[in-house]
Full PDB file with SEQRES, HELIX, SHEET, SSBOND, CRYST1, ORIGX, SCALE, CONECT and MASTER records, all heavy atoms in Angstrom:
SEQRES   1 A   35  THR GLY ARG ALA VAL SER VAL LEU LEU LEU PRO TRP SER          
SEQRES   2 A   35  ALA HIS ALA VAL ARG ALA VAL TRP HIS ARG ASP VAL SER          
SEQRES   3 A   35  ALA TYR ASP THR GLU LEU ALA LYS ASN                          
HELIX    1 AA1 ALA A   27  LYS A   34  1                                   8    
SHEET    1 AA1 2 LEU A  10  SER A  13  0                                        
SHEET    2 AA1 2 ALA A  16  ARG A  18 -1                                        
CRYST1    1.000    1.000    1.000  90.00  90.00  90.00 P 1           1          
ORIGX1      1.000000  0.000000  0.000000        0.00000                         
ORIGX2      0.000000  1.000000  0.000000        0.00000                         
ORIGX3      0.000000  0.000000  1.000000        0.00000                         
SCALE1      1.000000  0.000000  0.000000        0.00000                         
SCALE2      0.000000  1.000000  0.000000        0.00000                         
SCALE3      0.000000  0.000000  1.000000        0.00000                         
ATOM      1  N   THR A   1       5.619  -4.364  15.426  1.00  0.00           N  
ATOM      2  CA  THR A   1       4.812  -3.162  15.191  1.00  0.00           C  
ATOM      3  C   THR A   1       3.476  -3.159  15.923  1.00  0.00           C  
ATOM      4  O   THR A   1       2.823  -2.117  16.001  1.00  0.00           O  
ATOM      5  CB  THR A   1       4.513  -2.994  13.681  1.00  0.00           C  
ATOM      6  OG1 THR A   1       3.670  -4.070  13.248  1.00  0.00           O  
ATOM      7  CG2 THR A   1       5.786  -2.967  12.860  1.00  0.00           C  
ATOM      8  N   GLY A   2       3.080  -4.332  16.395  1.00  0.00           N  
ATOM      9  CA  GLY A   2       1.784  -4.427  17.063  1.00  0.00           C  
ATOM     10  C   GLY A   2       0.622  -4.481  16.088  1.00  0.00           C  
ATOM     11  O   GLY A   2      -0.534  -4.429  16.475  1.00  0.00           O  
ATOM     12  N   ARG A   3       0.945  -4.593  14.804  1.00  0.00           N  
ATOM     13  CA  ARG A   3      -0.095  -4.624  13.772  1.00  0.00           C  
ATOM     14  C   ARG A   3       0.210  -5.711  12.745  1.00  0.00           C  
ATOM     15  O   ARG A   3       1.353  -6.033  12.485  1.00  0.00           O  
ATOM     16  CB  ARG A   3      -0.153  -3.297  13.037  1.00  0.00           C  
ATOM     17  CG  ARG A   3      -0.658  -2.145  13.855  1.00  0.00           C  
ATOM     18  CD  ARG A   3      -1.023  -1.001  12.939  1.00  0.00           C  
ATOM     19  NE  ARG A   3      -1.559   0.218  13.399  1.00  0.00           N  
ATOM     20  CZ  ARG A   3      -1.935   0.613  14.581  1.00  0.00           C  
ATOM     21  NH1 ARG A   3      -1.828  -0.184  15.572  1.00  0.00           N  
ATOM     22  NH2 ARG A   3      -2.424   1.793  14.834  1.00  0.00           N  
ATOM     23  N   ALA A   4      -0.855  -6.190  12.151  1.00  0.00           N  
ATOM     24  CA  ALA A   4      -0.745  -7.121  11.029  1.00  0.00           C  
ATOM     25  C   ALA A   4      -1.362  -6.416   9.825  1.00  0.00           C  
ATOM     26  O   ALA A   4      -2.572  -6.251   9.758  1.00  0.00           O  
ATOM     27  CB  ALA A   4      -1.478  -8.413  11.334  1.00  0.00           C  
ATOM     28  N   VAL A   5      -0.517  -5.962   8.913  1.00  0.00           N  
ATOM     29  CA  VAL A   5      -0.973  -5.164   7.775  1.00  0.00           C  
ATOM     30  C   VAL A   5      -0.565  -5.853   6.480  1.00  0.00           C  
ATOM     31  O   VAL A   5       0.590  -6.255   6.324  1.00  0.00           O  
ATOM     32  CB  VAL A   5      -0.369  -3.738   7.825  1.00  0.00           C  
ATOM     33  CG1 VAL A   5      -0.751  -2.935   6.598  1.00  0.00           C  
ATOM     34  CG2 VAL A   5      -0.809  -3.033   9.097  1.00  0.00           C  
ATOM     35  N   SER A   6      -1.513  -5.958   5.562  1.00  0.00           N  
ATOM     36  CA  SER A   6      -1.246  -6.514   4.241  1.00  0.00           C  
ATOM     37  C   SER A   6      -1.454  -5.402   3.220  1.00  0.00           C  
ATOM     38  O   SER A   6      -2.531  -4.815   3.146  1.00  0.00           O  
ATOM     39  CB  SER A   6      -2.197  -7.680   3.964  1.00  0.00           C  
ATOM     40  OG  SER A   6      -1.952  -8.217   2.688  1.00  0.00           O  
ATOM     41  N   VAL A   7      -0.424  -5.118   2.444  1.00  0.00           N  
ATOM     42  CA  VAL A   7      -0.470  -4.049   1.442  1.00  0.00           C  
ATOM     43  C   VAL A   7      -0.368  -4.694   0.062  1.00  0.00           C  
ATOM     44  O   VAL A   7       0.549  -5.476  -0.196  1.00  0.00           O  
ATOM     45  CB  VAL A   7       0.678  -3.040   1.649  1.00  0.00           C  
ATOM     46  CG1 VAL A   7       0.676  -1.986   0.557  1.00  0.00           C  
ATOM     47  CG2 VAL A   7       0.575  -2.407   3.023  1.00  0.00           C  
ATOM     48  N   LEU A   8      -1.303  -4.353  -0.801  1.00  0.00           N  
ATOM     49  CA  LEU A   8      -1.315  -4.929  -2.143  1.00  0.00           C  
ATOM     50  C   LEU A   8      -0.800  -3.915  -3.160  1.00  0.00           C  
ATOM     51  O   LEU A   8      -1.439  -2.898  -3.411  1.00  0.00           O  
ATOM     52  CB  LEU A   8      -2.743  -5.348  -2.514  1.00  0.00           C  
ATOM     53  CG  LEU A   8      -3.406  -6.348  -1.579  1.00  0.00           C  
ATOM     54  CD1 LEU A   8      -4.830  -6.638  -2.034  1.00  0.00           C  
ATOM     55  CD2 LEU A   8      -2.604  -7.631  -1.488  1.00  0.00           C  
ATOM     56  N   LEU A   9       0.375  -4.190  -3.708  1.00  0.00           N  
ATOM     57  CA  LEU A   9       0.953  -3.401  -4.791  1.00  0.00           C  
ATOM     58  C   LEU A   9       1.169  -4.333  -5.975  1.00  0.00           C  
ATOM     59  O   LEU A   9       1.145  -5.555  -5.825  1.00  0.00           O  
ATOM     60  CB  LEU A   9       2.279  -2.767  -4.373  1.00  0.00           C  
ATOM     61  CG  LEU A   9       2.257  -1.795  -3.200  1.00  0.00           C  
ATOM     62  CD1 LEU A   9       3.636  -1.185  -2.998  1.00  0.00           C  
ATOM     63  CD2 LEU A   9       1.232  -0.715  -3.389  1.00  0.00           C  
ATOM     64  N   LEU A  10       1.394  -3.757  -7.140  1.00  0.00           N  
ATOM     65  CA  LEU A  10       1.545  -4.540  -8.358  1.00  0.00           C  
ATOM     66  C   LEU A  10       2.972  -4.433  -8.879  1.00  0.00           C  
ATOM     67  O   LEU A  10       3.462  -3.311  -9.100  1.00  0.00           O  
ATOM     68  CB  LEU A  10       0.572  -4.015  -9.423  1.00  0.00           C  
ATOM     69  CG  LEU A  10       0.633  -4.689 -10.784  1.00  0.00           C  
ATOM     70  CD1 LEU A  10       0.107  -6.113 -10.692  1.00  0.00           C  
ATOM     71  CD2 LEU A  10      -0.191  -3.900 -11.787  1.00  0.00           C  
ATOM     72  N   PRO A  11       3.648  -5.589  -9.081  1.00  0.00           N  
ATOM     73  CA  PRO A  11       4.945  -5.525  -9.755  1.00  0.00           C  
ATOM     74  C   PRO A  11       4.705  -4.973 -11.166  1.00  0.00           C  
ATOM     75  O   PRO A  11       3.908  -5.526 -11.916  1.00  0.00           O  
ATOM     76  CB  PRO A  11       5.414  -6.979  -9.815  1.00  0.00           C  
ATOM     77  CG  PRO A  11       4.505  -7.751  -8.934  1.00  0.00           C  
ATOM     78  CD  PRO A  11       3.250  -6.959  -8.786  1.00  0.00           C  
ATOM     79  N   TRP A  12       5.356  -3.869 -11.511  1.00  0.00           N  
ATOM     80  CA  TRP A  12       5.053  -3.186 -12.766  1.00  0.00           C  
ATOM     81  C   TRP A  12       6.076  -3.484 -13.850  1.00  0.00           C  
ATOM     82  O   TRP A  12       5.750  -3.574 -15.021  1.00  0.00           O  
ATOM     83  CB  TRP A  12       4.958  -1.692 -12.496  1.00  0.00           C  
ATOM     84  CG  TRP A  12       4.376  -0.935 -13.633  1.00  0.00           C  
ATOM     85  CD1 TRP A  12       5.049  -0.105 -14.493  1.00  0.00           C  
ATOM     86  CD2 TRP A  12       3.018  -0.939 -14.069  1.00  0.00           C  
ATOM     87  NE1 TRP A  12       4.183   0.406 -15.422  1.00  0.00           N  
ATOM     88  CE2 TRP A  12       2.913  -0.096 -15.179  1.00  0.00           C  
ATOM     89  CE3 TRP A  12       1.868  -1.579 -13.620  1.00  0.00           C  
ATOM     90  CZ2 TRP A  12       1.734   0.139 -15.853  1.00  0.00           C  
ATOM     91  CZ3 TRP A  12       0.685  -1.340 -14.281  1.00  0.00           C  
ATOM     92  CH2 TRP A  12       0.625  -0.497 -15.385  1.00  0.00           C  
ATOM     93  N   SER A  13       7.328  -3.590 -13.451  1.00  0.00           N  
ATOM     94  CA  SER A  13       8.406  -3.859 -14.401  1.00  0.00           C  
ATOM     95  C   SER A  13       9.545  -4.522 -13.638  1.00  0.00           C  
ATOM     96  O   SER A  13       9.400  -4.847 -12.461  1.00  0.00           O  
ATOM     97  CB  SER A  13       8.892  -2.553 -15.053  1.00  0.00           C  
ATOM     98  OG  SER A  13       9.581  -1.760 -14.103  1.00  0.00           O  
ATOM     99  N   ALA A  14      10.669  -4.678 -14.305  1.00  0.00           N  
ATOM    100  CA  ALA A  14      11.822  -5.314 -13.659  1.00  0.00           C  
ATOM    101  C   ALA A  14      12.375  -4.480 -12.509  1.00  0.00           C  
ATOM    102  O   ALA A  14      13.090  -4.998 -11.650  1.00  0.00           O  
ATOM    103  CB  ALA A  14      12.920  -5.564 -14.690  1.00  0.00           C  
ATOM    104  N   HIS A  15      12.011  -3.178 -12.469  1.00  0.00           N  
ATOM    105  CA  HIS A  15      12.566  -2.292 -11.440  1.00  0.00           C  
ATOM    106  C   HIS A  15      11.531  -1.387 -10.793  1.00  0.00           C  
ATOM    107  O   HIS A  15      11.900  -0.360 -10.214  1.00  0.00           O  
ATOM    108  CB  HIS A  15      13.689  -1.438 -12.039  1.00  0.00           C  
ATOM    109  CG  HIS A  15      14.797  -2.248 -12.611  1.00  0.00           C  
ATOM    110  ND1 HIS A  15      15.697  -2.941 -11.840  1.00  0.00           N  
ATOM    111  CD2 HIS A  15      15.123  -2.524 -13.903  1.00  0.00           C  
ATOM    112  CE1 HIS A  15      16.546  -3.594 -12.624  1.00  0.00           C  
ATOM    113  NE2 HIS A  15      16.215  -3.355 -13.876  1.00  0.00           N  
ATOM    114  N   ALA A  16      10.256  -1.735 -10.890  1.00  0.00           N  
ATOM    115  CA  ALA A  16       9.237  -0.836 -10.333  1.00  0.00           C  
ATOM    116  C   ALA A  16       7.996  -1.603  -9.885  1.00  0.00           C  
ATOM    117  O   ALA A  16       7.665  -2.659 -10.418  1.00  0.00           O  
ATOM    118  CB  ALA A  16       8.838   0.225 -11.361  1.00  0.00           C  
ATOM    119  N   VAL A  17       7.341  -1.025  -8.884  1.00  0.00           N  
ATOM    120  CA  VAL A  17       6.022  -1.487  -8.458  1.00  0.00           C  
ATOM    121  C   VAL A  17       5.073  -0.302  -8.537  1.00  0.00           C  
ATOM    122  O   VAL A  17       5.494   0.856  -8.496  1.00  0.00           O  
ATOM    123  CB  VAL A  17       6.020  -2.095  -7.027  1.00  0.00           C  
ATOM    124  CG1 VAL A  17       6.934  -3.298  -6.943  1.00  0.00           C  
ATOM    125  CG2 VAL A  17       6.403  -1.076  -5.988  1.00  0.00           C  
ATOM    126  N   ARG A  18       3.784  -0.610  -8.662  1.00  0.00           N  
ATOM    127  CA  ARG A  18       2.758   0.420  -8.845  1.00  0.00           C  
ATOM    128  C   ARG A  18       1.789   0.373  -7.679  1.00  0.00           C  
ATOM    129  O   ARG A  18       1.287  -0.683  -7.312  1.00  0.00           O  
ATOM    130  CB  ARG A  18       2.034   0.153 -10.157  1.00  0.00           C  
ATOM    131  CG  ARG A  18       0.968   1.141 -10.520  1.00  0.00           C  
ATOM    132  CD  ARG A  18       0.444   0.762 -11.911  1.00  0.00           C  
ATOM    133  NE  ARG A  18      -0.587   1.659 -12.348  1.00  0.00           N  
ATOM    134  CZ  ARG A  18      -1.847   1.302 -12.531  1.00  0.00           C  
ATOM    135  NH1 ARG A  18      -2.219   0.064 -12.308  1.00  0.00           N  
ATOM    136  NH2 ARG A  18      -2.736   2.177 -12.941  1.00  0.00           N  
ATOM    137  N   ALA A  19       1.538   1.547  -7.105  1.00  0.00           N  
ATOM    138  CA  ALA A  19       0.564   1.692  -6.026  1.00  0.00           C  
ATOM    139  C   ALA A  19      -0.522   2.645  -6.505  1.00  0.00           C  
ATOM    140  O   ALA A  19      -0.225   3.681  -7.082  1.00  0.00           O  
ATOM    141  CB  ALA A  19       1.239   2.247  -4.776  1.00  0.00           C  
ATOM    142  N   VAL A  20      -1.780   2.282  -6.261  1.00  0.00           N  
ATOM    143  CA  VAL A  20      -2.901   3.095  -6.725  1.00  0.00           C  
ATOM    144  C   VAL A  20      -3.884   3.300  -5.577  1.00  0.00           C  
ATOM    145  O   VAL A  20      -4.225   2.351  -4.881  1.00  0.00           O  
ATOM    146  CB  VAL A  20      -3.627   2.424  -7.917  1.00  0.00           C  
ATOM    147  CG1 VAL A  20      -4.802   3.268  -8.377  1.00  0.00           C  
ATOM    148  CG2 VAL A  20      -2.664   2.180  -9.066  1.00  0.00           C  
ATOM    149  N   TRP A  21      -4.350   4.528  -5.421  1.00  0.00           N  
ATOM    150  CA  TRP A  21      -5.328   4.855  -4.383  1.00  0.00           C  
ATOM    151  C   TRP A  21      -6.713   4.960  -4.986  1.00  0.00           C  
ATOM    152  O   TRP A  21      -6.873   5.362  -6.132  1.00  0.00           O  
ATOM    153  CB  TRP A  21      -4.966   6.182  -3.701  1.00  0.00           C  
ATOM    154  CG  TRP A  21      -4.005   5.944  -2.604  1.00  0.00           C  
ATOM    155  CD1 TRP A  21      -4.258   5.973  -1.263  1.00  0.00           C  
ATOM    156  CD2 TRP A  21      -2.632   5.580  -2.730  1.00  0.00           C  
ATOM    157  NE1 TRP A  21      -3.137   5.637  -0.569  1.00  0.00           N  
ATOM    158  CE2 TRP A  21      -2.119   5.391  -1.439  1.00  0.00           C  
ATOM    159  CE3 TRP A  21      -1.789   5.370  -3.810  1.00  0.00           C  
ATOM    160  CZ2 TRP A  21      -0.808   5.015  -1.199  1.00  0.00           C  
ATOM    161  CZ3 TRP A  21      -0.491   4.995  -3.581  1.00  0.00           C  
ATOM    162  CH2 TRP A  21      -0.010   4.833  -2.284  1.00  0.00           C  
ATOM    163  N   HIS A  22      -7.716   4.599  -4.192  1.00  0.00           N  
ATOM    164  CA  HIS A  22      -9.112   4.739  -4.584  1.00  0.00           C  
ATOM    165  C   HIS A  22      -9.909   5.125  -3.351  1.00  0.00           C  
ATOM    166  O   HIS A  22      -9.379   5.194  -2.239  1.00  0.00           O  
ATOM    167  CB  HIS A  22      -9.651   3.471  -5.247  1.00  0.00           C  
ATOM    168  CG  HIS A  22      -9.486   2.245  -4.407  1.00  0.00           C  
ATOM    169  ND1 HIS A  22     -10.334   1.935  -3.363  1.00  0.00           N  
ATOM    170  CD2 HIS A  22      -8.549   1.274  -4.439  1.00  0.00           C  
ATOM    171  CE1 HIS A  22      -9.947   0.812  -2.800  1.00  0.00           C  
ATOM    172  NE2 HIS A  22      -8.856   0.396  -3.426  1.00  0.00           N  
ATOM    173  N   ARG A  23     -11.187   5.343  -3.524  1.00  0.00           N  
ATOM    174  CA  ARG A  23     -12.033   5.901  -2.467  1.00  0.00           C  
ATOM    175  C   ARG A  23     -12.073   5.064  -1.196  1.00  0.00           C  
ATOM    176  O   ARG A  23     -12.418   5.563  -0.142  1.00  0.00           O  
ATOM    177  CB  ARG A  23     -13.434   6.167  -2.988  1.00  0.00           C  
ATOM    178  CG  ARG A  23     -14.219   4.924  -3.308  1.00  0.00           C  
ATOM    179  CD  ARG A  23     -15.635   5.216  -3.773  1.00  0.00           C  
ATOM    180  NE  ARG A  23     -16.432   5.784  -2.716  1.00  0.00           N  
ATOM    181  CZ  ARG A  23     -16.958   7.023  -2.724  1.00  0.00           C  
ATOM    182  NH1 ARG A  23     -16.782   7.789  -3.767  1.00  0.00           N  
ATOM    183  NH2 ARG A  23     -17.667   7.460  -1.729  1.00  0.00           N  
ATOM    184  N   ASP A  24     -11.731   3.787  -1.271  1.00  0.00           N  
ATOM    185  CA  ASP A  24     -11.780   2.930  -0.090  1.00  0.00           C  
ATOM    186  C   ASP A  24     -10.463   2.880   0.672  1.00  0.00           C  
ATOM    187  O   ASP A  24     -10.339   2.128   1.639  1.00  0.00           O  
ATOM    188  CB  ASP A  24     -12.202   1.513  -0.490  1.00  0.00           C  
ATOM    189  CG  ASP A  24     -13.617   1.476  -1.036  1.00  0.00           C  
ATOM    190  OD1 ASP A  24     -14.458   2.265  -0.555  1.00  0.00           O  
ATOM    191  OD2 ASP A  24     -13.876   0.680  -1.955  1.00  0.00           O  
ATOM    192  N   VAL A  25      -9.463   3.653   0.243  1.00  0.00           N  
ATOM    193  CA  VAL A  25      -8.178   3.698   0.938  1.00  0.00           C  
ATOM    194  C   VAL A  25      -8.087   5.038   1.657  1.00  0.00           C  
ATOM    195  O   VAL A  25      -7.978   6.085   1.029  1.00  0.00           O  
ATOM    196  CB  VAL A  25      -6.994   3.520  -0.045  1.00  0.00           C  
ATOM    197  CG1 VAL A  25      -5.674   3.556   0.714  1.00  0.00           C  
ATOM    198  CG2 VAL A  25      -7.136   2.222  -0.832  1.00  0.00           C  
ATOM    199  N   SER A  26      -8.133   4.988   2.970  1.00  0.00           N  
ATOM    200  CA  SER A  26      -8.162   6.204   3.779  1.00  0.00           C  
ATOM    201  C   SER A  26      -6.757   6.732   4.067  1.00  0.00           C  
ATOM    202  O   SER A  26      -5.748   6.082   3.763  1.00  0.00           O  
ATOM    203  CB  SER A  26      -8.855   5.904   5.117  1.00  0.00           C  
ATOM    204  OG  SER A  26      -8.046   5.027   5.893  1.00  0.00           O  
ATOM    205  N   ALA A  27      -6.714   7.891   4.692  1.00  0.00           N  
ATOM    206  CA  ALA A  27      -5.432   8.454   5.133  1.00  0.00           C  
ATOM    207  C   ALA A  27      -4.786   7.526   6.165  1.00  0.00           C  
ATOM    208  O   ALA A  27      -3.568   7.334   6.165  1.00  0.00           O  
ATOM    209  CB  ALA A  27      -5.641   9.851   5.716  1.00  0.00           C  
ATOM    210  N   TYR A  28      -5.607   6.932   7.014  1.00  0.00           N  
ATOM    211  CA  TYR A  28      -5.098   5.980   8.012  1.00  0.00           C  
ATOM    212  C   TYR A  28      -4.508   4.746   7.318  1.00  0.00           C  
ATOM    213  O   TYR A  28      -3.419   4.289   7.680  1.00  0.00           O  
ATOM    214  CB  TYR A  28      -6.214   5.578   8.976  1.00  0.00           C  
ATOM    215  CG  TYR A  28      -5.793   4.577  10.015  1.00  0.00           C  
ATOM    216  CD1 TYR A  28      -4.938   4.949  11.050  1.00  0.00           C  
ATOM    217  CD2 TYR A  28      -6.241   3.264   9.965  1.00  0.00           C  
ATOM    218  CE1 TYR A  28      -4.530   4.032  12.006  1.00  0.00           C  
ATOM    219  CE2 TYR A  28      -5.845   2.343  10.918  1.00  0.00           C  
ATOM    220  CZ  TYR A  28      -4.989   2.726  11.939  1.00  0.00           C  
ATOM    221  OH  TYR A  28      -4.589   1.816  12.887  1.00  0.00           O  
ATOM    222  N   ASP A  29      -5.213   4.224   6.307  1.00  0.00           N  
ATOM    223  CA  ASP A  29      -4.701   3.087   5.546  1.00  0.00           C  
ATOM    224  C   ASP A  29      -3.370   3.445   4.887  1.00  0.00           C  
ATOM    225  O   ASP A  29      -2.447   2.624   4.826  1.00  0.00           O  
ATOM    226  CB  ASP A  29      -5.693   2.668   4.456  1.00  0.00           C  
ATOM    227  CG  ASP A  29      -7.005   2.165   5.006  1.00  0.00           C  
ATOM    228  OD1 ASP A  29      -7.037   1.635   6.136  1.00  0.00           O  
ATOM    229  OD2 ASP A  29      -8.029   2.313   4.292  1.00  0.00           O  
ATOM    230  N   THR A  30      -3.282   4.665   4.393  1.00  0.00           N  
ATOM    231  CA  THR A  30      -2.055   5.126   3.744  1.00  0.00           C  
ATOM    232  C   THR A  30      -0.904   5.153   4.741  1.00  0.00           C  
ATOM    233  O   THR A  30       0.214   4.735   4.425  1.00  0.00           O  
ATOM    234  CB  THR A  30      -2.277   6.525   3.128  1.00  0.00           C  
ATOM    235  OG1 THR A  30      -3.342   6.431   2.173  1.00  0.00           O  
ATOM    236  CG2 THR A  30      -1.027   7.045   2.454  1.00  0.00           C  
ATOM    237  N   GLU A  31      -1.189   5.614   5.939  1.00  0.00           N  
ATOM    238  CA  GLU A  31      -0.161   5.627   6.996  1.00  0.00           C  
ATOM    239  C   GLU A  31       0.286   4.204   7.324  1.00  0.00           C  
ATOM    240  O   GLU A  31       1.476   3.933   7.497  1.00  0.00           O  
ATOM    241  CB  GLU A  31      -0.710   6.332   8.244  1.00  0.00           C  
ATOM    242  CG  GLU A  31       0.316   6.624   9.292  1.00  0.00           C  
ATOM    243  CD  GLU A  31       1.395   7.598   8.850  1.00  0.00           C  
ATOM    244  OE1 GLU A  31       1.132   8.474   8.015  1.00  0.00           O  
ATOM    245  OE2 GLU A  31       2.539   7.468   9.340  1.00  0.00           O  
ATOM    246  N   LEU A  32      -0.667   3.285   7.424  1.00  0.00           N  
ATOM    247  CA  LEU A  32      -0.329   1.880   7.684  1.00  0.00           C  
ATOM    248  C   LEU A  32       0.536   1.316   6.556  1.00  0.00           C  
ATOM    249  O   LEU A  32       1.489   0.575   6.814  1.00  0.00           O  
ATOM    250  CB  LEU A  32      -1.595   1.043   7.839  1.00  0.00           C  
ATOM    251  CG  LEU A  32      -2.425   1.262   9.098  1.00  0.00           C  
ATOM    252  CD1 LEU A  32      -3.707   0.437   9.045  1.00  0.00           C  
ATOM    253  CD2 LEU A  32      -1.632   0.942  10.353  1.00  0.00           C  
ATOM    254  N   ALA A  33       0.224   1.665   5.311  1.00  0.00           N  
ATOM    255  CA  ALA A  33       1.006   1.190   4.170  1.00  0.00           C  
ATOM    256  C   ALA A  33       2.426   1.742   4.211  1.00  0.00           C  
ATOM    257  O   ALA A  33       3.395   1.019   3.939  1.00  0.00           O  
ATOM    258  CB  ALA A  33       0.317   1.567   2.858  1.00  0.00           C  
ATOM    259  N   LYS A  34       2.570   3.024   4.563  1.00  0.00           N  
ATOM    260  CA  LYS A  34       3.914   3.608   4.702  1.00  0.00           C  
ATOM    261  C   LYS A  34       4.695   2.878   5.776  1.00  0.00           C  
ATOM    262  O   LYS A  34       5.865   2.541   5.586  1.00  0.00           O  
ATOM    263  CB  LYS A  34       3.828   5.099   5.069  1.00  0.00           C  
ATOM    264  CG  LYS A  34       3.499   6.007   3.939  1.00  0.00           C  
ATOM    265  CD  LYS A  34       3.637   7.489   4.259  1.00  0.00           C  
ATOM    266  CE  LYS A  34       3.440   7.897   5.670  1.00  0.00           C  
ATOM    267  NZ  LYS A  34       3.426   9.343   5.903  1.00  0.00           N  
ATOM    268  N   ASN A  35       4.059   2.639   6.913  1.00  0.00           N  
ATOM    269  CA  ASN A  35       4.727   1.942   8.007  1.00  0.00           C  
ATOM    270  C   ASN A  35       5.122   0.528   7.619  1.00  0.00           C  
ATOM    271  O   ASN A  35       6.197   0.043   7.987  1.00  0.00           O  
ATOM    272  CB  ASN A  35       3.842   1.927   9.254  1.00  0.00           C  
ATOM    273  CG  ASN A  35       3.637   3.309   9.826  1.00  0.00           C  
ATOM    274  OD1 ASN A  35       4.370   4.250   9.529  1.00  0.00           O  
ATOM    275  ND2 ASN A  35       2.608   3.459  10.647  1.00  0.00           N  
TER     276      ASN A  35                                                      
MASTER        0    0    0    1    2    0    0    6  275    1    0    3          
END                                                                             
């Protein structure tokens, strides 16, 4: 990908993870997380 990206999500249950956005996560960061 030409990038080194670390995405922090939380294991929420046996079948789910939780992602939360806050003011320090930009649209660009969101795109990197999707990728």
